[in-house]
C-alpha atoms as a PDB file:
ATOM      1  CA  UNK A   1     -24.881   9.476  -2.446  1.00  0.00           C
ATOM      2  CA  UNK A   2     -24.926   6.038  -4.048  1.00  0.00           C
ATOM      3  CA  UNK A   3     -21.444   4.579  -4.620  1.00  0.00           C
ATOM      4  CA  UNK A   4     -20.004   1.301  -5.869  1.00  0.00           C
ATOM      5  CA  UNK A   5     -16.779  -0.699  -5.648  1.00  0.00           C
ATOM      6  CA  UNK A   6     -15.820  -3.038  -8.484  1.00  0.00           C
ATOM      7  CA  UNK A   7     -13.829  -6.094  -7.399  1.00  0.00           C
ATOM      8  CA  UNK A   8     -12.226  -6.778 -10.758  1.00  0.00           C
ATOM      9  CA  UNK A   9     -10.706 -10.094 -11.803  1.00  0.00           C
ATOM     10  CA  UNK A  10      -6.952 -10.319 -11.382  1.00  0.00           C
ATOM     11  CA  UNK A  11      -5.682 -10.207 -14.967  1.00  0.00           C
ATOM     12  CA  UNK A  12      -2.397 -11.225 -16.523  1.00  0.00           C
ATOM     13  CA  UNK A  13       0.418  -8.697 -16.582  1.00  0.00           C
ATOM     14  CA  UNK A  14      -0.166  -6.048 -19.246  1.00  0.00           C
ATOM     15  CA  UNK A  15      -3.726  -7.083 -20.050  1.00  0.00           C
ATOM     16  CA  UNK A  16      -6.003  -4.410 -21.508  1.00  0.00           C
ATOM     17  CA  UNK A  17      -9.195  -6.403 -20.860  1.00  0.00           C
ATOM     18  CA  UNK A  18     -10.033  -4.346 -17.769  1.00  0.00           C
ATOM     19  CA  UNK A  19     -11.286  -1.372 -19.767  1.00  0.00           C
ATOM     20  CA  UNK A  20     -14.096  -3.373 -21.351  1.00  0.00           C
ATOM     21  CA  UNK A  21     -14.978  -4.974 -18.015  1.00  0.00           C
ATOM     22  CA  UNK A  22     -15.140  -1.573 -16.317  1.00  0.00           C
ATOM     23  CA  UNK A  23     -17.365  -0.244 -19.106  1.00  0.00           C
ATOM     24  CA  UNK A  24     -19.845  -3.015 -18.248  1.00  0.00           C
ATOM     25  CA  UNK A  25     -19.801  -1.901 -14.610  1.00  0.00           C
ATOM     26  CA  UNK A  26     -20.339   1.749 -15.587  1.00  0.00           C
ATOM     27  CA  UNK A  27     -23.472   0.692 -17.469  1.00  0.00           C
ATOM     28  CA  UNK A  28     -24.706  -1.273 -14.448  1.00  0.00           C
ATOM     29  CA  UNK A  29     -24.070   1.751 -12.244  1.00  0.00           C
ATOM     30  CA  UNK A  30     -25.966   4.045 -14.611  1.00  0.00           C
ATOM     31  CA  UNK A  31     -28.978   1.770 -14.288  1.00  0.00           C
ATOM     32  CA  UNK A  32     -28.658   1.521 -10.501  1.00  0.00           C
ATOM     33  CA  UNK A  33     -28.284   5.237  -9.779  1.00  0.00           C
ATOM     34  CA  UNK A  34     -24.633   5.003  -8.709  1.00  0.00           C
ATOM     35  CA  UNK A  35     -22.765   8.315  -8.969  1.00  0.00           C
ATOM     36  CA  UNK A  36     -19.187   7.215  -8.205  1.00  0.00           C
ATOM     37  CA  UNK A  37     -17.598   3.872  -9.127  1.00  0.00           C
ATOM     38  CA  UNK A  38     -14.281   2.896  -7.535  1.00  0.00           C
ATOM     39  CA  UNK A  39     -12.066   0.385  -9.360  1.00  0.00           C
ATOM     40  CA  UNK A  40      -8.836  -1.294  -8.199  1.00  0.00           C
ATOM     41  CA  UNK A  41      -5.259  -0.098  -8.033  1.00  0.00           C
ATOM     42  CA  UNK A  42      -3.336  -0.698 -11.281  1.00  0.00           C
ATOM     43  CA  UNK A  43      -6.466  -2.214 -12.836  1.00  0.00           C
ATOM     44  CA  UNK A  44      -5.144  -1.009 -16.202  1.00  0.00           C
ATOM     45  CA  UNK A  45      -2.165  -3.224 -17.013  1.00  0.00           C
ATOM     46  CA  UNK A  46      -1.369  -4.538 -13.542  1.00  0.00           C
ATOM     47  CA  UNK A  47       1.284  -3.585 -11.014  1.00  0.00           C
ATOM     48  CA  UNK A  48       4.569  -2.589 -12.606  1.00  0.00           C
ATOM     49  CA  UNK A  49       6.483  -4.069  -9.673  1.00  0.00           C
ATOM     50  CA  UNK A  50       5.617  -7.540 -10.983  1.00  0.00           C
ATOM     51  CA  UNK A  51       6.345  -6.786 -14.635  1.00  0.00           C
ATOM     52  CA  UNK A  52       9.487  -7.666 -16.551  1.00  0.00           C
ATOM     53  CA  UNK A  53       8.985  -4.420 -18.488  1.00  0.00           C
ATOM     54  CA  UNK A  54       7.574  -1.919 -15.966  1.00  0.00           C
ATOM     55  CA  UNK A  55       7.154   0.988 -18.365  1.00  0.00           C
ATOM     56  CA  UNK A  56       5.492  -1.049 -21.126  1.00  0.00           C
ATOM     57  CA  UNK A  57       1.944  -0.188 -20.059  1.00  0.00           C
ATOM     58  CA  UNK A  58       2.585   3.183 -18.410  1.00  0.00           C
ATOM     59  CA  UNK A  59       0.357   6.083 -19.444  1.00  0.00           C
ATOM     60  CA  UNK A  60       1.002   9.818 -19.501  1.00  0.00           C
ATOM     61  CA  UNK A  61      -1.766  11.987 -18.072  1.00  0.00           C
ATOM     62  CA  UNK A  62      -1.950  13.854 -21.366  1.00  0.00           C
ATOM     63  CA  UNK A  63      -3.113  10.651 -23.063  1.00  0.00           C
ATOM     64  CA  UNK A  64      -5.371   9.427 -20.278  1.00  0.00           C
ATOM     65  CA  UNK A  65      -8.641  11.037 -21.331  1.00  0.00           C
ATOM     66  CA  UNK A  66      -8.402   9.372 -24.753  1.00  0.00           C
ATOM     67  CA  UNK A  67      -7.631   5.974 -23.215  1.00  0.00           C
ATOM     68  CA  UNK A  68     -10.532   6.265 -20.768  1.00  0.00           C
ATOM     69  CA  UNK A  69     -13.006   7.617 -23.324  1.00  0.00           C
ATOM     70  CA  UNK A  70     -14.994   4.328 -23.386  1.00  0.00           C
ATOM     71  CA  UNK A  71     -15.861   4.953 -19.720  1.00  0.00           C
ATOM     72  CA  UNK A  72     -17.465   8.332 -20.384  1.00  0.00           C
ATOM     73  CA  UNK A  73     -20.817   8.738 -18.644  1.00  0.00           C
ATOM     74  CA  UNK A  74     -23.096  11.658 -17.895  1.00  0.00           C
ATOM     75  CA  UNK A  75     -23.982  10.229 -14.485  1.00  0.00           C
ATOM     76  CA  UNK A  76     -21.143   7.957 -13.279  1.00  0.00           C
ATOM     77  CA  UNK A  77     -17.687   9.169 -12.248  1.00  0.00           C
ATOM     78  CA  UNK A  78     -15.049   6.415 -12.305  1.00  0.00           C
ATOM     79  CA  UNK A  79     -11.941   6.192 -10.119  1.00  0.00           C
ATOM     80  CA  UNK A  80      -9.331   3.718 -11.336  1.00  0.00           C
ATOM     81  CA  UNK A  81      -5.667   2.860 -10.951  1.00  0.00           C
ATOM     82  CA  UNK A  82      -2.939   2.887 -13.592  1.00  0.00           C
ATOM     83  CA  UNK A  83       0.828   3.193 -13.962  1.00  0.00           C
ATOM     84  CA  UNK A  84       1.714   6.782 -14.804  1.00  0.00           C
ATOM     85  CA  UNK A  85       4.847   8.028 -16.523  1.00  0.00           C
ATOM     86  CA  UNK A  86       5.651  11.589 -15.523  1.00  0.00           C
ATOM     87  CA  UNK A  87       8.832  13.634 -15.128  1.00  0.00           C
ATOM     88  CA  UNK A  88      10.946  10.616 -16.065  1.00  0.00           C
ATOM     89  CA  UNK A  89       9.462   8.537 -13.224  1.00  0.00           C
ATOM     90  CA  UNK A  90       6.804   5.889 -12.815  1.00  0.00           C
ATOM     91  CA  UNK A  91       3.991   6.543 -10.345  1.00  0.00           C
ATOM     92  CA  UNK A  92       1.323   4.232  -8.989  1.00  0.00           C
ATOM     93  CA  UNK A  93      -1.618   6.542  -9.680  1.00  0.00           C
ATOM     94  CA  UNK A  94      -5.403   6.738  -9.617  1.00  0.00           C
ATOM     95  CA  UNK A  95      -7.432   8.950 -11.922  1.00  0.00           C
ATOM     96  CA  UNK A  96     -10.807  10.552 -11.262  1.00  0.00           C
ATOM     97  CA  UNK A  97     -12.607  10.357 -14.631  1.00  0.00           C
ATOM     98  CA  UNK A  98     -15.631  12.660 -14.742  1.00  0.00           C
ATOM     99  CA  UNK A  99     -17.848  13.199 -17.796  1.00  0.00           C
ATOM    100  CA  UNK A 100     -15.137  12.435 -20.335  1.00  0.00           C
ATOM    101  CA  UNK A 101     -12.259  14.276 -18.678  1.00  0.00           C
ATOM    102  CA  UNK A 102      -9.640  13.506 -16.050  1.00  0.00           C
ATOM    103  CA  UNK A 103     -10.640  15.668 -13.084  1.00  0.00           C
ATOM    104  CA  UNK A 104      -7.440  14.867 -11.212  1.00  0.00           C
ATOM    105  CA  UNK A 105      -4.838  12.254 -10.298  1.00  0.00           C
ATOM    106  CA  UNK A 106      -3.633  10.911  -6.965  1.00  0.00           C
ATOM    107  CA  UNK A 107      -0.150   9.351  -6.740  1.00  0.00           C
ATOM    108  CA  UNK A 108       0.514   6.672  -4.130  1.00  0.00           C
ATOM    109  CA  UNK A 109       2.504   8.042  -1.200  1.00  0.00           C
ATOM    110  CA  UNK A 110       3.894   4.709   0.047  1.00  0.00           C
ATOM    111  CA  UNK A 111       4.603   2.485  -2.988  1.00  0.00           C
ATOM    112  CA  UNK A 112       5.968  -0.559  -1.144  1.00  0.00           C
ATOM    113  CA  UNK A 113       7.209  -1.855   2.178  1.00  0.00           C
ATOM    114  CA  UNK A 114      10.750  -2.567   0.916  1.00  0.00           C
ATOM    115  CA  UNK A 115      11.432  -1.452  -2.659  1.00  0.00           C
ATOM    116  CA  UNK A 116       9.418  -0.512  -5.735  1.00  0.00           C
ATOM    117  CA  UNK A 117       9.862   0.654  -9.315  1.00  0.00           C
ATOM    118  CA  UNK A 118       7.368   3.385  -8.449  1.00  0.00           C
ATOM    119  CA  UNK A 119       8.369   6.791  -7.139  1.00  0.00           C
ATOM    120  CA  UNK A 120       6.426   8.149  -4.168  1.00  0.00           C
ATOM    121  CA  UNK A 121       3.778  10.799  -4.655  1.00  0.00           C
ATOM    122  CA  UNK A 122       3.798  13.891  -2.453  1.00  0.00           C
ATOM    123  CA  UNK A 123       0.313  15.430  -2.701  1.00  0.00           C
ATOM    124  CA  UNK A 124      -2.987  14.748  -0.912  1.00  0.00           C
ATOM    125  CA  UNK A 125      -5.676  16.392  -3.065  1.00  0.00           C
ATOM    126  CA  UNK A 126      -9.431  16.274  -2.585  1.00  0.00           C
ATOM    127  CA  UNK A 127     -12.069  16.195  -5.320  1.00  0.00           C
ATOM    128  CA  UNK A 128     -15.722  17.196  -5.532  1.00  0.00           C
ATOM    129  CA  UNK A 129     -18.414  15.464  -7.574  1.00  0.00           C
ATOM    130  CA  UNK A 130     -21.941  16.740  -7.087  1.00  0.00           C
ATOM    131  CA  UNK A 131     -22.446  17.237  -3.356  1.00  0.00           C
ATOM    132  CA  UNK A 132     -19.602  14.924  -2.299  1.00  0.00           C
ATOM    133  CA  UNK A 133     -16.076  16.044  -1.493  1.00  0.00           C
ATOM    134  CA  UNK A 134     -13.733  13.065  -1.233  1.00  0.00           C
ATOM    135  CA  UNK A 135     -10.166  11.866  -1.127  1.00  0.00           C
ATOM    136  CA  UNK A 136      -8.430   9.025  -2.930  1.00  0.00           C
ATOM    137  CA  UNK A 137      -5.630   6.940  -1.460  1.00  0.00           C
ATOM    138  CA  UNK A 138      -4.096   3.749  -2.834  1.00  0.00           C
ATOM    139  CA  UNK A 139      -3.851   0.405  -1.012  1.00  0.00           C
ATOM    140  CA  UNK A 140      -0.962   0.560   1.515  1.00  0.00           C
ATOM    141  CA  UNK A 141      -1.563   4.301   2.045  1.00  0.00           C
ATOM    142  CA  UNK A 142      -4.694   3.285   3.989  1.00  0.00           C
ATOM    143  CA  UNK A 143      -2.548   1.806   6.775  1.00  0.00           C
ATOM    144  CA  UNK A 144      -1.285   5.315   7.589  1.00  0.00           C
ATOM    145  CA  UNK A 145      -3.537   7.785   9.383  1.00  0.00           C
ATOM    146  CA  UNK A 146      -2.105  11.022   7.960  1.00  0.00           C
ATOM    147  CA  UNK A 147      -3.440  11.005   4.362  1.00  0.00           C
ATOM    148  CA  UNK A 148      -7.055  10.457   5.427  1.00  0.00           C
ATOM    149  CA  UNK A 149      -6.698  12.990   8.246  1.00  0.00           C
ATOM    150  CA  UNK A 150      -5.336  15.662   5.882  1.00  0.00           C
ATOM    151  CA  UNK A 151      -8.061  15.010   3.325  1.00  0.00           C
ATOM    152  CA  UNK A 152     -10.747  15.168   6.017  1.00  0.00           C
ATOM    153  CA  UNK A 153      -9.335  18.509   7.172  1.00  0.00           C
ATOM    154  CA  UNK A 154      -9.801  19.723   3.590  1.00  0.00           C
ATOM    155  CA  UNK A 155     -13.469  18.823   3.620  1.00  0.00           C
ATOM    156  CA  UNK A 156     -13.488  15.209   2.425  1.00  0.00           C
ATOM    157  CA  UNK A 157     -16.334  13.118   3.850  1.00  0.00           C
ATOM    158  CA  UNK A 158     -15.533   9.975   1.853  1.00  0.00           C
ATOM    159  CA  UNK A 159     -12.340   8.112   1.016  1.00  0.00           C
ATOM    160  CA  UNK A 160     -11.935   5.887  -2.048  1.00  0.00           C
ATOM    161  CA  UNK A 161      -9.216   3.231  -1.823  1.00  0.00           C
ATOM    162  CA  UNK A 162      -8.175   1.540  -5.083  1.00  0.00           C
ATOM    163  CA  UNK A 163      -6.358  -1.611  -3.948  1.00  0.00           C
ATOM    164  CA  UNK A 164      -4.429  -4.461  -5.547  1.00  0.00           C
ATOM    165  CA  UNK A 165      -3.647  -7.369  -3.259  1.00  0.00           C
ATOM    166  CA  UNK A 166      -2.456  -9.584  -6.107  1.00  0.00           C
ATOM    167  CA  UNK A 167       0.578 -11.202  -4.468  1.00  0.00           C
ATOM    168  CA  UNK A 168       2.927 -14.115  -5.134  1.00  0.00           C
ATOM    169  CA  UNK A 169       1.309 -17.333  -3.896  1.00  0.00           C
ATOM    170  CA  UNK A 170       3.615 -17.590  -0.873  1.00  0.00           C
ATOM    171  CA  UNK A 171       2.551 -14.129   0.353  1.00  0.00           C
ATOM    172  CA  UNK A 172      -1.160 -14.217  -0.454  1.00  0.00           C
ATOM    173  CA  UNK A 173      -3.526 -14.917   2.427  1.00  0.00           C
ATOM    174  CA  UNK A 174      -7.222 -14.447   3.250  1.00  0.00           C
ATOM    175  CA  UNK A 175      -5.988 -12.699   6.413  1.00  0.00           C
ATOM    176  CA  UNK A 176      -5.286  -9.683   4.206  1.00  0.00           C
ATOM    177  CA  UNK A 177      -9.051  -9.134   4.009  1.00  0.00           C
ATOM    178  CA  UNK A 178      -9.264  -8.728   7.782  1.00  0.00           C
ATOM    179  CA  UNK A 179      -6.279  -6.358   7.758  1.00  0.00           C
ATOM    180  CA  UNK A 180      -7.886  -4.201   5.065  1.00  0.00           C
ATOM    181  CA  UNK A 181     -11.192  -4.116   6.940  1.00  0.00           C
ATOM    182  CA  UNK A 182      -9.391  -3.025  10.112  1.00  0.00           C
ATOM    183  CA  UNK A 183      -7.775  -0.127   8.240  1.00  0.00           C
ATOM    184  CA  UNK A 184     -11.096   0.885   6.665  1.00  0.00           C
ATOM    185  CA  UNK A 185     -12.894   0.987  10.010  1.00  0.00           C
ATOM    186  CA  UNK A 186     -10.024   2.906  11.600  1.00  0.00           C
ATOM    187  CA  UNK A 187      -9.917   5.577   8.877  1.00  0.00           C
ATOM    188  CA  UNK A 188     -13.719   5.862   8.938  1.00  0.00           C
ATOM    189  CA  UNK A 189     -14.084   6.301  12.688  1.00  0.00           C
ATOM    190  CA  UNK A 190     -11.016   8.537  13.099  1.00  0.00           C
ATOM    191  CA  UNK A 191     -12.283  11.025  10.552  1.00  0.00           C
ATOM    192  CA  UNK A 192     -16.049  10.503  10.319  1.00  0.00           C
ATOM    193  CA  UNK A 193     -15.729   9.594   6.643  1.00  0.00           C
ATOM    194  CA  UNK A 194     -17.085   6.732   4.552  1.00  0.00           C
ATOM    195  CA  UNK A 195     -14.458   4.398   3.069  1.00  0.00           C
ATOM    196  CA  UNK A 196     -14.916   2.635  -0.264  1.00  0.00           C
ATOM    197  CA  UNK A 197     -12.271   0.019  -1.124  1.00  0.00           C
ATOM    198  CA  UNK A 198     -12.021  -1.792  -4.479  1.00  0.00           C
ATOM    199  CA  UNK A 199      -9.628  -4.753  -4.802  1.00  0.00           C
ATOM    200  CA  UNK A 200      -8.838  -7.404  -7.409  1.00  0.00           C
ATOM    201  CA  UNK A 201      -9.680 -11.084  -6.928  1.00  0.00           C
ATOM    202  CA  UNK A 202      -8.635 -14.377  -8.481  1.00  0.00           C
ATOM    203  CA  UNK A 203      -5.321 -15.721  -9.737  1.00  0.00           C
ATOM    204  CA  UNK A 204      -2.896 -15.649 -12.619  1.00  0.00           C
ATOM    205  CA  UNK A 205       0.035 -17.981 -13.215  1.00  0.00           C
ATOM    206  CA  UNK A 206       2.091 -16.114 -10.625  1.00  0.00           C
ATOM    207  CA  UNK A 207      -0.249 -13.987  -8.471  1.00  0.00           C
ATOM    208  CA  UNK A 208      -3.221 -14.578  -6.174  1.00  0.00           C
ATOM    209  CA  UNK A 209      -5.736 -12.252  -4.496  1.00  0.00           C
ATOM    210  CA  UNK A 210      -8.679 -13.108  -2.252  1.00  0.00           C
ATOM    211  CA  UNK A 211     -10.316  -9.677  -2.646  1.00  0.00           C
ATOM    212  CA  UNK A 212     -10.904  -7.169   0.150  1.00  0.00           C
ATOM    213  CA  UNK A 213     -13.481  -4.863  -1.466  1.00  0.00           C
ATOM    214  CA  UNK A 214     -15.928  -3.255   0.961  1.00  0.00           C
ATOM    215  CA  UNK A 215     -17.955  -0.122   1.663  1.00  0.00           C
ATOM    216  CA  UNK A 216     -17.741   1.198   5.234  1.00  0.00           C
ATOM    217  CA  UNK A 217     -19.909   3.948   6.701  1.00  0.00           C
ATOM    218  CA  UNK A 218     -18.517   6.979   8.548  1.00  0.00           C
ATOM    219  CA  UNK A 219     -19.249   5.319  11.923  1.00  0.00           C
ATOM    220  CA  UNK A 220     -17.340   2.131  11.059  1.00  0.00           C
ATOM    221  CA  UNK A 221     -20.375   0.061  10.065  1.00  0.00           C
ATOM    222  CA  UNK A 222     -19.526  -2.220   7.141  1.00  0.00           C
ATOM    223  CA  UNK A 223     -22.341  -1.695   4.622  1.00  0.00           C
ATOM    224  CA  UNK A 224     -21.254  -4.142   1.910  1.00  0.00           C
ATOM    225  CA  UNK A 225     -18.498  -6.663   1.216  1.00  0.00           C
ATOM    226  CA  UNK A 226     -17.523  -8.465  -1.979  1.00  0.00           C
ATOM    227  CA  UNK A 227     -17.482 -12.209  -2.473  1.00  0.00           C
ATOM    228  CA  UNK A 228     -14.126 -13.747  -1.622  1.00  0.00           C
ATOM    229  CA  UNK A 229     -11.904 -14.759  -4.560  1.00  0.00           C
ATOM    230  CA  UNK A 230     -14.478 -13.637  -7.134  1.00  0.00           C
ATOM    231  CA  UNK A 231     -15.224 -10.627  -9.301  1.00  0.00           C
ATOM    232  CA  UNK A 232     -18.098  -8.631  -7.850  1.00  0.00           C
ATOM    233  CA  UNK A 233     -19.789  -5.234  -7.777  1.00  0.00           C
ATOM    234  CA  UNK A 234     -20.978  -3.901  -4.434  1.00  0.00           C
ATOM    235  CA  UNK A 235     -23.218  -0.869  -4.000  1.00  0.00           C
ATOM    236  CA  UNK A 236     -24.319   1.205  -0.994  1.00  0.00           C
ATOM    237  CA  UNK A 237     -25.661   4.610  -0.050  1.00  0.00           C
ATOM    238  CA  UNK A 238     -23.288   6.769   1.983  1.00  0.00           C
ATOM    239  CA  UNK A 239     -24.016   9.955   3.910  1.00  0.00           C
END
């Protein structure tokens, strides 16, 4: 299957520009025969942990299909991150948007190292598009072996990793790219599954990201990497 990872520009808190940018990538993927496009964590609105009003851009799953309607495609399924409001809580979530409908949602299991406005998710679902069964985990979840292992045991042969390494300047470092790559190779080789990571890149007035997007084969071979500190779209065939 042909897959892609969109390294989106790091946008200002609450920006809605990402939807139009992702639509452009969907059109590119349609032309290039890509079947699944992975976009970054919290690409819609940004990370609530860095917002003065965390719930301002949160979306309820019941409204999500309407919001994502511009991304509808007969051939390209899009995975993208957003802040979800559900059961009186905020979740750092990723939606699988397939042919105009939300096929499912994954909620980040490990929201932050210390504290977060996000509640932790507690499910590890798998999804199937065409011939591919896959899992979705979000950013820091990839540093833990259990989610990928559970998803592999449920038949997943690929793992999509929406990521957002937009950090305060003092914490941002290009070393984060190497750390992400190490996690991708580990999850791939432990489970015999391809790993597709999509990060943000660039800077705002308060945040910086170098971008760690990459596509890694099931044997740990890195098939494609994005340009550092720049928006990019990378494409590869996975088995």
